[in-house]
């Protein structure tokens, strides 16, 4: 069974008020598109260079079909979908690279991103054939740097001065968790 399917059979996963589940077509809403067009939400992402529309978001959603990657939704029990996650698997190397976007600003600073990240990491630790979980962010994204560290990940490399935010070059920090070490 492919790594992707080994994760998907574990979903949805719940922890307190948070659920992580597969993203589905009905999740393509104006609110979701709005997050991607909100300069504050995507300030550290290369999504900030793209003007998103419903059709571009539908194309992104469809791009996961017949691939080894997962597109996931992060739900809050009271607010509904508050963000998304991606997991890109490499079957040959036994790796999974996670990304996260918490688009609903009113939940920022409440530990929801960390909770969702840890939920997926725990599910991935149980995926037979997976040996390494990775993620990366700009050094100026202090919230994401904190999530990596609090989730037990270690620094796995730095690309110095790699990307520019507001005219200032920042490093990209890569983090990893080795499952069987």
C-alpha atoms as a PDB file:
ATOM      1  CA  UNK A   1       0.000   0.000   0.000  1.00  0.00           C
ATOM      2  CA  UNK A   2       1.428   3.454  -0.889  1.00  0.00           C
ATOM      3  CA  UNK A   3       2.545   5.739   1.970  1.00  0.00           C
ATOM      4  CA  UNK A   4      -0.250   8.185   1.124  1.00  0.00           C
ATOM      5  CA  UNK A   5      -2.899   5.502   1.581  1.00  0.00           C
ATOM      6  CA  UNK A   6      -1.315   4.393   4.865  1.00  0.00           C
ATOM      7  CA  UNK A   7      -1.882   7.919   6.179  1.00  0.00           C
ATOM      8  CA  UNK A   8      -5.352   8.368   4.691  1.00  0.00           C
ATOM      9  CA  UNK A   9      -6.731   5.232   6.383  1.00  0.00           C
ATOM     10  CA  UNK A  10      -5.969   6.916   9.739  1.00  0.00           C
ATOM     11  CA  UNK A  11      -8.009  10.036   8.932  1.00  0.00           C
ATOM     12  CA  UNK A  12      -9.885  11.860  10.273  1.00  0.00           C
ATOM     13  CA  UNK A  13      -7.914  12.324  13.473  1.00  0.00           C
ATOM     14  CA  UNK A  14      -9.215  14.353  16.403  1.00  0.00           C
ATOM     15  CA  UNK A  15      -7.632  15.979  19.422  1.00  0.00           C
ATOM     16  CA  UNK A  16      -9.846  18.086  21.650  1.00  0.00           C
ATOM     17  CA  UNK A  17     -11.473  20.714  19.413  1.00  0.00           C
ATOM     18  CA  UNK A  18      -9.275  20.027  16.341  1.00  0.00           C
ATOM     19  CA  UNK A  19      -9.802  17.551  13.513  1.00  0.00           C
ATOM     20  CA  UNK A  20      -7.490  16.869  10.574  1.00  0.00           C
ATOM     21  CA  UNK A  21      -9.173  15.220   7.604  1.00  0.00           C
ATOM     22  CA  UNK A  22      -8.887  15.040   3.830  1.00  0.00           C
ATOM     23  CA  UNK A  23      -9.719  18.297   2.048  1.00  0.00           C
ATOM     24  CA  UNK A  24     -12.825  17.803  -0.118  1.00  0.00           C
ATOM     25  CA  UNK A  25     -14.442  19.789  -2.942  1.00  0.00           C
ATOM     26  CA  UNK A  26     -16.985  21.455  -0.618  1.00  0.00           C
ATOM     27  CA  UNK A  27     -14.029  23.028   1.245  1.00  0.00           C
ATOM     28  CA  UNK A  28     -13.406  25.226  -1.808  1.00  0.00           C
ATOM     29  CA  UNK A  29     -15.141  28.308  -0.434  1.00  0.00           C
ATOM     30  CA  UNK A  30     -14.762  32.053  -0.736  1.00  0.00           C
ATOM     31  CA  UNK A  31     -13.330  32.011   2.790  1.00  0.00           C
ATOM     32  CA  UNK A  32     -10.595  29.587   1.751  1.00  0.00           C
ATOM     33  CA  UNK A  33      -9.742  31.645  -1.351  1.00  0.00           C
ATOM     34  CA  UNK A  34      -9.744  34.738   0.880  1.00  0.00           C
ATOM     35  CA  UNK A  35      -7.070  33.275   3.157  1.00  0.00           C
ATOM     36  CA  UNK A  36      -4.777  32.808   0.179  1.00  0.00           C
ATOM     37  CA  UNK A  37      -5.333  36.421  -0.884  1.00  0.00           C
ATOM     38  CA  UNK A  38      -4.827  37.804   2.643  1.00  0.00           C
ATOM     39  CA  UNK A  39      -1.356  39.371   2.723  1.00  0.00           C
ATOM     40  CA  UNK A  40      -1.022  38.774   6.474  1.00  0.00           C
ATOM     41  CA  UNK A  41      -1.949  35.080   6.242  1.00  0.00           C
ATOM     42  CA  UNK A  42       0.540  34.339   3.439  1.00  0.00           C
ATOM     43  CA  UNK A  43       3.235  36.852   4.417  1.00  0.00           C
ATOM     44  CA  UNK A  44       5.922  34.118   4.723  1.00  0.00           C
ATOM     45  CA  UNK A  45       4.660  31.967   1.848  1.00  0.00           C
ATOM     46  CA  UNK A  46       5.326  32.182  -1.866  1.00  0.00           C
ATOM     47  CA  UNK A  47       1.527  32.192  -2.192  1.00  0.00           C
ATOM     48  CA  UNK A  48       1.850  35.938  -1.573  1.00  0.00           C
ATOM     49  CA  UNK A  49       3.005  36.370  -5.175  1.00  0.00           C
ATOM     50  CA  UNK A  50      -0.143  34.798  -6.654  1.00  0.00           C
ATOM     51  CA  UNK A  51      -3.618  36.245  -7.073  1.00  0.00           C
ATOM     52  CA  UNK A  52      -5.865  33.337  -6.161  1.00  0.00           C
ATOM     53  CA  UNK A  53      -9.325  32.635  -7.571  1.00  0.00           C
ATOM     54  CA  UNK A  54     -11.819  29.846  -7.145  1.00  0.00           C
ATOM     55  CA  UNK A  55     -10.582  28.291 -10.394  1.00  0.00           C
ATOM     56  CA  UNK A  56      -6.903  28.419  -9.347  1.00  0.00           C
ATOM     57  CA  UNK A  57      -7.821  26.838  -6.009  1.00  0.00           C
ATOM     58  CA  UNK A  58      -9.858  24.141  -7.755  1.00  0.00           C
ATOM     59  CA  UNK A  59      -6.859  23.405  -9.983  1.00  0.00           C
ATOM     60  CA  UNK A  60      -4.609  23.111  -6.913  1.00  0.00           C
ATOM     61  CA  UNK A  61      -7.121  20.774  -5.248  1.00  0.00           C
ATOM     62  CA  UNK A  62      -7.310  18.607  -8.379  1.00  0.00           C
ATOM     63  CA  UNK A  63      -3.515  18.542  -8.650  1.00  0.00           C
ATOM     64  CA  UNK A  64      -3.438  16.084  -5.730  1.00  0.00           C
ATOM     65  CA  UNK A  65      -5.436  13.464  -7.634  1.00  0.00           C
ATOM     66  CA  UNK A  66      -3.370  10.453  -8.663  1.00  0.00           C
ATOM     67  CA  UNK A  67      -0.255  11.697  -6.838  1.00  0.00           C
ATOM     68  CA  UNK A  68       1.588  10.584  -3.730  1.00  0.00           C
ATOM     69  CA  UNK A  69       0.623  13.800  -1.900  1.00  0.00           C
ATOM     70  CA  UNK A  70      -2.253  14.576   0.488  1.00  0.00           C
ATOM     71  CA  UNK A  71      -4.225  17.800   0.804  1.00  0.00           C
ATOM     72  CA  UNK A  72      -5.827  18.062   4.238  1.00  0.00           C
ATOM     73  CA  UNK A  73      -8.247  20.331   6.080  1.00  0.00           C
ATOM     74  CA  UNK A  74      -7.863  21.497   9.676  1.00  0.00           C
ATOM     75  CA  UNK A  75     -11.235  21.889  11.385  1.00  0.00           C
ATOM     76  CA  UNK A  76     -12.183  23.573  14.643  1.00  0.00           C
ATOM     77  CA  UNK A  77     -15.266  22.182  16.398  1.00  0.00           C
ATOM     78  CA  UNK A  78     -16.943  25.606  16.596  1.00  0.00           C
ATOM     79  CA  UNK A  79     -15.546  27.436  13.566  1.00  0.00           C
ATOM     80  CA  UNK A  80     -15.367  24.715  10.914  1.00  0.00           C
ATOM     81  CA  UNK A  81     -12.380  24.673   8.579  1.00  0.00           C
ATOM     82  CA  UNK A  82      -9.666  27.014   9.837  1.00  0.00           C
ATOM     83  CA  UNK A  83      -6.716  25.888   7.757  1.00  0.00           C
ATOM     84  CA  UNK A  84      -5.072  23.370   5.487  1.00  0.00           C
ATOM     85  CA  UNK A  85      -2.106  21.030   5.469  1.00  0.00           C
ATOM     86  CA  UNK A  86      -0.164  19.222   2.778  1.00  0.00           C
ATOM     87  CA  UNK A  87       1.898  16.063   3.015  1.00  0.00           C
ATOM     88  CA  UNK A  88       4.223  15.253   0.124  1.00  0.00           C
ATOM     89  CA  UNK A  89       5.527  11.689   0.213  1.00  0.00           C
ATOM     90  CA  UNK A  90       8.582  10.277  -1.508  1.00  0.00           C
ATOM     91  CA  UNK A  91       8.080   6.515  -1.696  1.00  0.00           C
ATOM     92  CA  UNK A  92      11.662   5.841  -2.821  1.00  0.00           C
ATOM     93  CA  UNK A  93      13.229   7.580   0.151  1.00  0.00           C
ATOM     94  CA  UNK A  94      10.580   6.969   2.828  1.00  0.00           C
ATOM     95  CA  UNK A  95      10.035  10.659   3.529  1.00  0.00           C
ATOM     96  CA  UNK A  96       7.056  12.924   4.141  1.00  0.00           C
ATOM     97  CA  UNK A  97       7.258  16.728   3.936  1.00  0.00           C
ATOM     98  CA  UNK A  98       4.509  18.608   5.784  1.00  0.00           C
ATOM     99  CA  UNK A  99       3.178  22.110   5.174  1.00  0.00           C
ATOM    100  CA  UNK A 100       0.510  24.020   7.096  1.00  0.00           C
ATOM    101  CA  UNK A 101      -1.579  27.172   6.699  1.00  0.00           C
ATOM    102  CA  UNK A 102      -3.871  28.358   9.483  1.00  0.00           C
ATOM    103  CA  UNK A 103      -5.973  30.864   7.594  1.00  0.00           C
ATOM    104  CA  UNK A 104      -8.471  31.804  10.303  1.00  0.00           C
ATOM    105  CA  UNK A 105      -6.661  34.629  12.078  1.00  0.00           C
ATOM    106  CA  UNK A 106      -8.934  34.629  15.137  1.00  0.00           C
ATOM    107  CA  UNK A 107      -7.368  31.325  16.264  1.00  0.00           C
ATOM    108  CA  UNK A 108      -3.745  32.405  15.846  1.00  0.00           C
ATOM    109  CA  UNK A 109      -1.665  32.162  19.007  1.00  0.00           C
ATOM    110  CA  UNK A 110      -3.852  29.444  20.541  1.00  0.00           C
ATOM    111  CA  UNK A 111      -1.609  26.473  19.751  1.00  0.00           C
ATOM    112  CA  UNK A 112      -3.892  25.103  17.040  1.00  0.00           C
ATOM    113  CA  UNK A 113      -1.150  24.982  14.409  1.00  0.00           C
ATOM    114  CA  UNK A 114       1.085  23.064  16.814  1.00  0.00           C
ATOM    115  CA  UNK A 115      -1.762  20.686  17.696  1.00  0.00           C
ATOM    116  CA  UNK A 116      -2.558  19.939  14.043  1.00  0.00           C
ATOM    117  CA  UNK A 117       1.137  19.533  13.209  1.00  0.00           C
ATOM    118  CA  UNK A 118       1.668  17.089  16.080  1.00  0.00           C
ATOM    119  CA  UNK A 119      -1.465  15.137  15.152  1.00  0.00           C
ATOM    120  CA  UNK A 120      -0.163  14.554  11.624  1.00  0.00           C
ATOM    121  CA  UNK A 121       3.328  13.771  12.884  1.00  0.00           C
ATOM    122  CA  UNK A 122       1.924  11.130  15.238  1.00  0.00           C
ATOM    123  CA  UNK A 123      -0.114   9.594  12.421  1.00  0.00           C
ATOM    124  CA  UNK A 124       2.950   9.591  10.149  1.00  0.00           C
ATOM    125  CA  UNK A 125       5.079   7.885  12.808  1.00  0.00           C
ATOM    126  CA  UNK A 126       2.744   4.910  12.426  1.00  0.00           C
ATOM    127  CA  UNK A 127       3.083   4.715   8.637  1.00  0.00           C
ATOM    128  CA  UNK A 128       5.050   1.597   7.770  1.00  0.00           C
ATOM    129  CA  UNK A 129       7.875   2.369   5.369  1.00  0.00           C
ATOM    130  CA  UNK A 130       8.246   6.011   6.446  1.00  0.00           C
ATOM    131  CA  UNK A 131      11.564   6.921   8.042  1.00  0.00           C
ATOM    132  CA  UNK A 132      11.740  10.739   8.037  1.00  0.00           C
ATOM    133  CA  UNK A 133       9.294  13.638   8.430  1.00  0.00           C
ATOM    134  CA  UNK A 134      10.403  17.072   7.215  1.00  0.00           C
ATOM    135  CA  UNK A 135       9.300  20.686   7.028  1.00  0.00           C
ATOM    136  CA  UNK A 136      10.819  24.071   6.381  1.00  0.00           C
ATOM    137  CA  UNK A 137      10.239  27.763   6.891  1.00  0.00           C
ATOM    138  CA  UNK A 138      11.852  31.173   6.706  1.00  0.00           C
ATOM    139  CA  UNK A 139      13.855  32.260   9.743  1.00  0.00           C
ATOM    140  CA  UNK A 140      11.500  35.237  10.197  1.00  0.00           C
ATOM    141  CA  UNK A 141       8.506  32.903  10.663  1.00  0.00           C
ATOM    142  CA  UNK A 142       9.007  32.553  14.404  1.00  0.00           C
ATOM    143  CA  UNK A 143       5.686  30.771  14.969  1.00  0.00           C
ATOM    144  CA  UNK A 144       6.593  27.993  12.540  1.00  0.00           C
ATOM    145  CA  UNK A 145      10.135  27.726  13.912  1.00  0.00           C
ATOM    146  CA  UNK A 146       8.558  27.219  17.344  1.00  0.00           C
ATOM    147  CA  UNK A 147       6.178  24.544  16.032  1.00  0.00           C
ATOM    148  CA  UNK A 148       9.087  22.541  14.604  1.00  0.00           C
ATOM    149  CA  UNK A 149      11.032  22.664  17.838  1.00  0.00           C
ATOM    150  CA  UNK A 150       8.041  21.974  20.091  1.00  0.00           C
ATOM    151  CA  UNK A 151       7.094  19.005  17.881  1.00  0.00           C
ATOM    152  CA  UNK A 152      10.503  17.436  18.556  1.00  0.00           C
ATOM    153  CA  UNK A 153      12.034  18.121  15.157  1.00  0.00           C
ATOM    154  CA  UNK A 154      15.714  18.974  14.716  1.00  0.00           C
ATOM    155  CA  UNK A 155      17.423  21.378  12.317  1.00  0.00           C
ATOM    156  CA  UNK A 156      18.261  19.556   9.106  1.00  0.00           C
ATOM    157  CA  UNK A 157      19.896  22.300   7.051  1.00  0.00           C
ATOM    158  CA  UNK A 158      19.836  25.989   6.266  1.00  0.00           C
ATOM    159  CA  UNK A 159      19.716  27.792   2.925  1.00  0.00           C
ATOM    160  CA  UNK A 160      21.201  31.165   3.780  1.00  0.00           C
ATOM    161  CA  UNK A 161      19.599  34.340   2.403  1.00  0.00           C
ATOM    162  CA  UNK A 162      17.351  32.208   0.190  1.00  0.00           C
ATOM    163  CA  UNK A 163      14.143  34.255   0.043  1.00  0.00           C
ATOM    164  CA  UNK A 164      13.221  37.908   0.428  1.00  0.00           C
ATOM    165  CA  UNK A 165      10.417  39.268   2.594  1.00  0.00           C
ATOM    166  CA  UNK A 166       9.743  43.019   2.571  1.00  0.00           C
ATOM    167  CA  UNK A 167      13.100  43.614   0.898  1.00  0.00           C
ATOM    168  CA  UNK A 168      15.107  41.634   3.463  1.00  0.00           C
ATOM    169  CA  UNK A 169      16.756  38.269   2.642  1.00  0.00           C
ATOM    170  CA  UNK A 170      15.990  35.459   5.100  1.00  0.00           C
ATOM    171  CA  UNK A 171      17.320  31.956   5.565  1.00  0.00           C
ATOM    172  CA  UNK A 172      15.160  28.886   5.000  1.00  0.00           C
ATOM    173  CA  UNK A 173      15.484  26.468   7.906  1.00  0.00           C
ATOM    174  CA  UNK A 174      14.763  22.805   7.237  1.00  0.00           C
ATOM    175  CA  UNK A 175      13.689  20.556  10.103  1.00  0.00           C
ATOM    176  CA  UNK A 176      13.390  16.787  10.411  1.00  0.00           C
ATOM    177  CA  UNK A 177      12.133  14.032  12.636  1.00  0.00           C
ATOM    178  CA  UNK A 178      13.703  10.610  12.170  1.00  0.00           C
ATOM    179  CA  UNK A 179      11.075   8.012  13.043  1.00  0.00           C
ATOM    180  CA  UNK A 180      13.285   5.110  14.101  1.00  0.00           C
ATOM    181  CA  UNK A 181      16.051   6.974  15.917  1.00  0.00           C
END
